[in-house]
């Protein structure tokens, strides 16, 4: 039992799957688009004021 628990812990600490998902998300939403979106929101806020 102890060996299985250690294996499960090692699997949880390895972020291989998370890294691949983060890369896919980053490719889908590049940081430049986020900056442009934030700029548009800021402009809209200025117009509303």
PDB file of N, CA and C in Angstrom:
ATOM      1  N   UNK A   1       0.834  -1.210   0.000  1.00  0.00           N
ATOM      2  CA  UNK A   1       0.000   0.000   0.000  1.00  0.00           C
ATOM      3  C   UNK A   1       0.863   1.251   0.000  1.00  0.00           C
ATOM      4  N   UNK A   2       1.930   1.219   0.806  1.00  0.00           N
ATOM      5  CA  UNK A   2       2.773   2.407   0.913  1.00  0.00           C
ATOM      6  C   UNK A   2       3.403   2.742  -0.436  1.00  0.00           C
ATOM      7  N   UNK A   3       3.814   1.720  -1.180  1.00  0.00           N
ATOM      8  CA  UNK A   3       4.434   1.982  -2.481  1.00  0.00           C
ATOM      9  C   UNK A   3       3.428   2.625  -3.441  1.00  0.00           C
ATOM     10  N   UNK A   4       2.199   2.139  -3.442  1.00  0.00           N
ATOM     11  CA  UNK A   4       1.183   2.707  -4.324  1.00  0.00           C
ATOM     12  C   UNK A   4       0.914   4.166  -3.964  1.00  0.00           C
ATOM     13  N   UNK A   5       0.864   4.459  -2.666  1.00  0.00           N
ATOM     14  CA  UNK A   5       0.621   5.835  -2.233  1.00  0.00           C
ATOM     15  C   UNK A   5       1.760   6.738  -2.705  1.00  0.00           C
ATOM     16  N   UNK A   6       2.995   6.249  -2.600  1.00  0.00           N
ATOM     17  CA  UNK A   6       4.128   7.060  -3.042  1.00  0.00           C
ATOM     18  C   UNK A   6       4.037   7.326  -4.544  1.00  0.00           C
ATOM     19  N   UNK A   7       3.642   6.311  -5.310  1.00  0.00           N
ATOM     20  CA  UNK A   7       3.516   6.488  -6.753  1.00  0.00           C
ATOM     21  C   UNK A   7       2.461   7.550  -7.071  1.00  0.00           C
ATOM     22  N   UNK A   8       1.334   7.495  -6.391  1.00  0.00           N
ATOM     23  CA  UNK A   8       0.276   8.459  -6.659  1.00  0.00           C
ATOM     24  C   UNK A   8       0.761   9.874  -6.323  1.00  0.00           C
ATOM     25  N   UNK A   9       1.512  10.016  -5.257  1.00  0.00           N
ATOM     26  CA  UNK A   9       2.027  11.341  -4.890  1.00  0.00           C
ATOM     27  C   UNK A   9       2.977  11.854  -5.968  1.00  0.00           C
ATOM     28  N   UNK A  10       3.860  10.980  -6.455  1.00  0.00           N
ATOM     29  CA  UNK A  10       4.809  11.405  -7.482  1.00  0.00           C
ATOM     30  C   UNK A  10       4.050  11.828  -8.741  1.00  0.00           C
ATOM     31  N   UNK A  11       2.959  11.122  -9.067  1.00  0.00           N
ATOM     32  CA  UNK A  11       2.167  11.489 -10.234  1.00  0.00           C
ATOM     33  C   UNK A  11       1.540  12.876 -10.037  1.00  0.00           C
ATOM     34  N   UNK A  12       1.072  13.158  -8.834  1.00  0.00           N
ATOM     35  CA  UNK A  12       0.434  14.452  -8.575  1.00  0.00           C
ATOM     36  C   UNK A  12       1.442  15.592  -8.688  1.00  0.00           C
ATOM     37  N   UNK A  13       2.691  15.330  -8.269  1.00  0.00           N
ATOM     38  CA  UNK A  13       3.682  16.405  -8.273  1.00  0.00           C
ATOM     39  C   UNK A  13       4.235  16.643  -9.672  1.00  0.00           C
ATOM     40  N   UNK A  14       4.075  15.688 -10.596  1.00  0.00           N
ATOM     41  CA  UNK A  14       4.586  15.903 -11.959  1.00  0.00           C
ATOM     42  C   UNK A  14       3.540  16.647 -12.782  1.00  0.00           C
ATOM     43  N   UNK A  15       3.822  17.889 -13.180  1.00  0.00           N
ATOM     44  CA  UNK A  15       2.843  18.702 -13.905  1.00  0.00           C
ATOM     45  C   UNK A  15       2.973  18.573 -15.418  1.00  0.00           C
ATOM     46  N   UNK A  16       3.249  17.368 -15.919  1.00  0.00           N
ATOM     47  CA  UNK A  16       3.414  17.202 -17.375  1.00  0.00           C
ATOM     48  C   UNK A  16       2.105  17.524 -18.090  1.00  0.00           C
ATOM     49  N   UNK A  17       1.016  16.962 -17.615  1.00  0.00           N
ATOM     50  CA  UNK A  17      -0.281  17.190 -18.265  1.00  0.00           C
ATOM     51  C   UNK A  17      -0.664  18.662 -18.159  1.00  0.00           C
ATOM     52  N   UNK A  18      -0.457  19.244 -16.998  1.00  0.00           N
ATOM     53  CA  UNK A  18      -0.815  20.651 -16.787  1.00  0.00           C
ATOM     54  C   UNK A  18      -0.016  21.544 -17.740  1.00  0.00           C
ATOM     55  N   UNK A  19       1.290  21.250 -17.885  1.00  0.00           N
ATOM     56  CA  UNK A  19       2.124  22.062 -18.772  1.00  0.00           C
ATOM     57  C   UNK A  19       1.586  22.011 -20.197  1.00  0.00           C
ATOM     58  N   UNK A  20       1.261  20.812 -20.676  1.00  0.00           N
ATOM     59  CA  UNK A  20       0.765  20.684 -22.050  1.00  0.00           C
ATOM     60  C   UNK A  20      -0.540  21.463 -22.205  1.00  0.00           C
ATOM     61  N   UNK A  21      -1.418  21.398 -21.217  1.00  0.00           N
ATOM     62  CA  UNK A  21      -2.687  22.133 -21.294  1.00  0.00           C
ATOM     63  C   UNK A  21      -2.422  23.637 -21.292  1.00  0.00           C
ATOM     64  N   UNK A  22      -1.484  24.086 -20.462  1.00  0.00           N
ATOM     65  CA  UNK A  22      -1.172  25.511 -20.410  1.00  0.00           C
ATOM     66  C   UNK A  22      -0.652  25.985 -21.763  1.00  0.00           C
ATOM     67  N   UNK A  23       0.190  25.159 -22.408  1.00  0.00           N
ATOM     68  CA  UNK A  23       0.726  25.545 -23.720  1.00  0.00           C
ATOM     69  C   UNK A  23      -0.399  25.683 -24.732  1.00  0.00           C
ATOM     70  N   UNK A  24      -1.339  24.733 -24.711  1.00  0.00           N
ATOM     71  CA  UNK A  24      -2.464  24.801 -25.649  1.00  0.00           C
ATOM     72  C   UNK A  24      -3.287  26.060 -25.404  1.00  0.00           C
ATOM     73  N   UNK A  25      -3.549  26.376 -24.151  1.00  0.00           N
ATOM     74  CA  UNK A  25      -4.329  27.570 -23.814  1.00  0.00           C
ATOM     75  C   UNK A  25      -3.575  28.827 -24.260  1.00  0.00           C
ATOM     76  N   UNK A  26      -2.266  28.840 -24.048  1.00  0.00           N
ATOM     77  CA  UNK A  26      -1.463  29.999 -24.435  1.00  0.00           C
ATOM     78  C   UNK A  26      -1.509  30.185 -25.947  1.00  0.00           C
ATOM     79  N   UNK A  27      -1.491  29.074 -26.691  1.00  0.00           N
ATOM     80  CA  UNK A  27      -1.546  29.180 -28.148  1.00  0.00           C
ATOM     81  C   UNK A  27      -2.911  29.699 -28.590  1.00  0.00           C
ATOM     82  N   UNK A  28      -3.967  29.265 -27.921  1.00  0.00           N
ATOM     83  CA  UNK A  28      -5.307  29.706 -28.292  1.00  0.00           C
ATOM     84  C   UNK A  28      -5.514  31.183 -27.937  1.00  0.00           C
ATOM     85  N   UNK A  29      -4.970  31.610 -26.798  1.00  0.00           N
ATOM     86  CA  UNK A  29      -5.151  33.000 -26.365  1.00  0.00           C
ATOM     87  C   UNK A  29      -3.786  33.646 -26.153  1.00  0.00           C
ATOM     88  N   UNK A  30      -3.176  34.186 -27.212  1.00  0.00           N
ATOM     89  CA  UNK A  30      -1.873  34.832 -27.065  1.00  0.00           C
ATOM     90  C   UNK A  30      -1.968  36.055 -26.155  1.00  0.00           C
ATOM     91  N   UNK A  31      -0.896  36.404 -25.464  1.00  0.00           N
ATOM     92  CA  UNK A  31      -0.913  37.550 -24.540  1.00  0.00           C
ATOM     93  C   UNK A  31      -1.218  38.859 -25.248  1.00  0.00           C
ATOM     94  N   UNK A  32      -0.832  38.984 -26.522  1.00  0.00           N
ATOM     95  CA  UNK A  32      -1.105  40.224 -27.251  1.00  0.00           C
ATOM     96  C   UNK A  32      -2.604  40.478 -27.338  1.00  0.00           C
ATOM     97  N   UNK A  33      -3.377  39.430 -27.601  1.00  0.00           N
ATOM     98  CA  UNK A  33      -4.832  39.591 -27.674  1.00  0.00           C
ATOM     99  C   UNK A  33      -5.375  40.067 -26.334  1.00  0.00           C
ATOM    100  N   UNK A  34      -4.827  39.535 -25.266  1.00  0.00           N
ATOM    101  CA  UNK A  34      -5.299  39.947 -23.940  1.00  0.00           C
ATOM    102  C   UNK A  34      -5.019  41.429 -23.724  1.00  0.00           C
ATOM    103  N   UNK A  35      -3.837  41.881 -24.126  1.00  0.00           N
ATOM    104  CA  UNK A  35      -3.477  43.291 -23.941  1.00  0.00           C
ATOM    105  C   UNK A  35      -4.419  44.166 -24.769  1.00  0.00           C
ATOM    106  N   UNK A  36      -4.664  43.764 -26.022  1.00  0.00           N
ATOM    107  CA  UNK A  36      -5.567  44.541 -26.871  1.00  0.00           C
ATOM    108  C   UNK A  36      -6.958  44.590 -26.250  1.00  0.00           C
ATOM    109  N   UNK A  37      -7.418  43.466 -25.727  1.00  0.00           N
ATOM    110  CA  UNK A  37      -8.747  43.424 -25.109  1.00  0.00           C
ATOM    111  C   UNK A  37      -8.797  44.370 -23.917  1.00  0.00           C
ATOM    112  N   UNK A  38      -7.744  44.350 -23.087  1.00  0.00           N
ATOM    113  CA  UNK A  38      -7.717  45.232 -21.920  1.00  0.00           C
ATOM    114  C   UNK A  38      -7.723  46.687 -22.374  1.00  0.00           C
ATOM    115  N   UNK A  39      -6.998  47.004 -23.444  1.00  0.00           N
ATOM    116  CA  UNK A  39      -6.978  48.374 -23.944  1.00  0.00           C
ATOM    117  C   UNK A  39      -8.375  48.793 -24.396  1.00  0.00           C
ATOM    118  N   UNK A  40      -9.085  47.902 -25.080  1.00  0.00           N
ATOM    119  CA  UNK A  40     -10.445  48.225 -25.519  1.00  0.00           C
ATOM    120  C   UNK A  40     -11.340  48.477 -24.315  1.00  0.00           C
ATOM    121  N   UNK A  41     -11.207  47.666 -23.288  1.00  0.00           N
ATOM    122  CA  UNK A  41     -12.020  47.843 -22.083  1.00  0.00           C
ATOM    123  C   UNK A  41     -11.710  49.194 -21.446  1.00  0.00           C
ATOM    124  N   UNK A  42     -10.429  49.549 -21.398  1.00  0.00           N
ATOM    125  CA  UNK A  42     -10.052  50.837 -20.806  1.00  0.00           C
ATOM    126  C   UNK A  42     -10.675  51.978 -21.607  1.00  0.00           C
ATOM    127  N   UNK A  43     -10.645  51.894 -22.943  1.00  0.00           N
ATOM    128  CA  UNK A  43     -11.229  52.943 -23.775  1.00  0.00           C
ATOM    129  C   UNK A  43     -12.731  53.054 -23.512  1.00  0.00           C
ATOM    130  N   UNK A  44     -13.396  51.917 -23.416  1.00  0.00           N
ATOM    131  CA  UNK A  44     -14.840  51.928 -23.149  1.00  0.00           C
ATOM    132  C   UNK A  44     -15.122  52.572 -21.794  1.00  0.00           C
ATOM    133  N   UNK A  45     -14.294  52.287 -20.809  1.00  0.00           N
ATOM    134  CA  UNK A  45     -14.492  52.883 -19.490  1.00  0.00           C
ATOM    135  C   UNK A  45     -14.354  54.404 -19.588  1.00  0.00           C
ATOM    136  N   UNK A  46     -13.368  54.871 -20.352  1.00  0.00           N
ATOM    137  CA  UNK A  46     -13.173  56.315 -20.494  1.00  0.00           C
ATOM    138  C   UNK A  46     -14.400  56.941 -21.164  1.00  0.00           C
ATOM    139  N   UNK A  47     -14.944  56.278 -22.190  1.00  0.00           N
ATOM    140  CA  UNK A  47     -16.116  56.820 -22.878  1.00  0.00           C
ATOM    141  C   UNK A  47     -17.314  56.863 -21.927  1.00  0.00           C
ATOM    142  N   UNK A  48     -17.463  55.849 -21.113  1.00  0.00           N
ATOM    143  CA  UNK A  48     -18.597  55.801 -20.186  1.00  0.00           C
ATOM    144  C   UNK A  48     -18.497  56.923 -19.159  1.00  0.00           C
ATOM    145  N   UNK A  49     -17.314  57.264 -18.763  1.00  0.00           N
ATOM    146  CA  UNK A  49     -17.149  58.335 -17.781  1.00  0.00           C
ATOM    147  C   UNK A  49     -17.506  59.672 -18.430  1.00  0.00           C
TER     148      UNK A  49
END
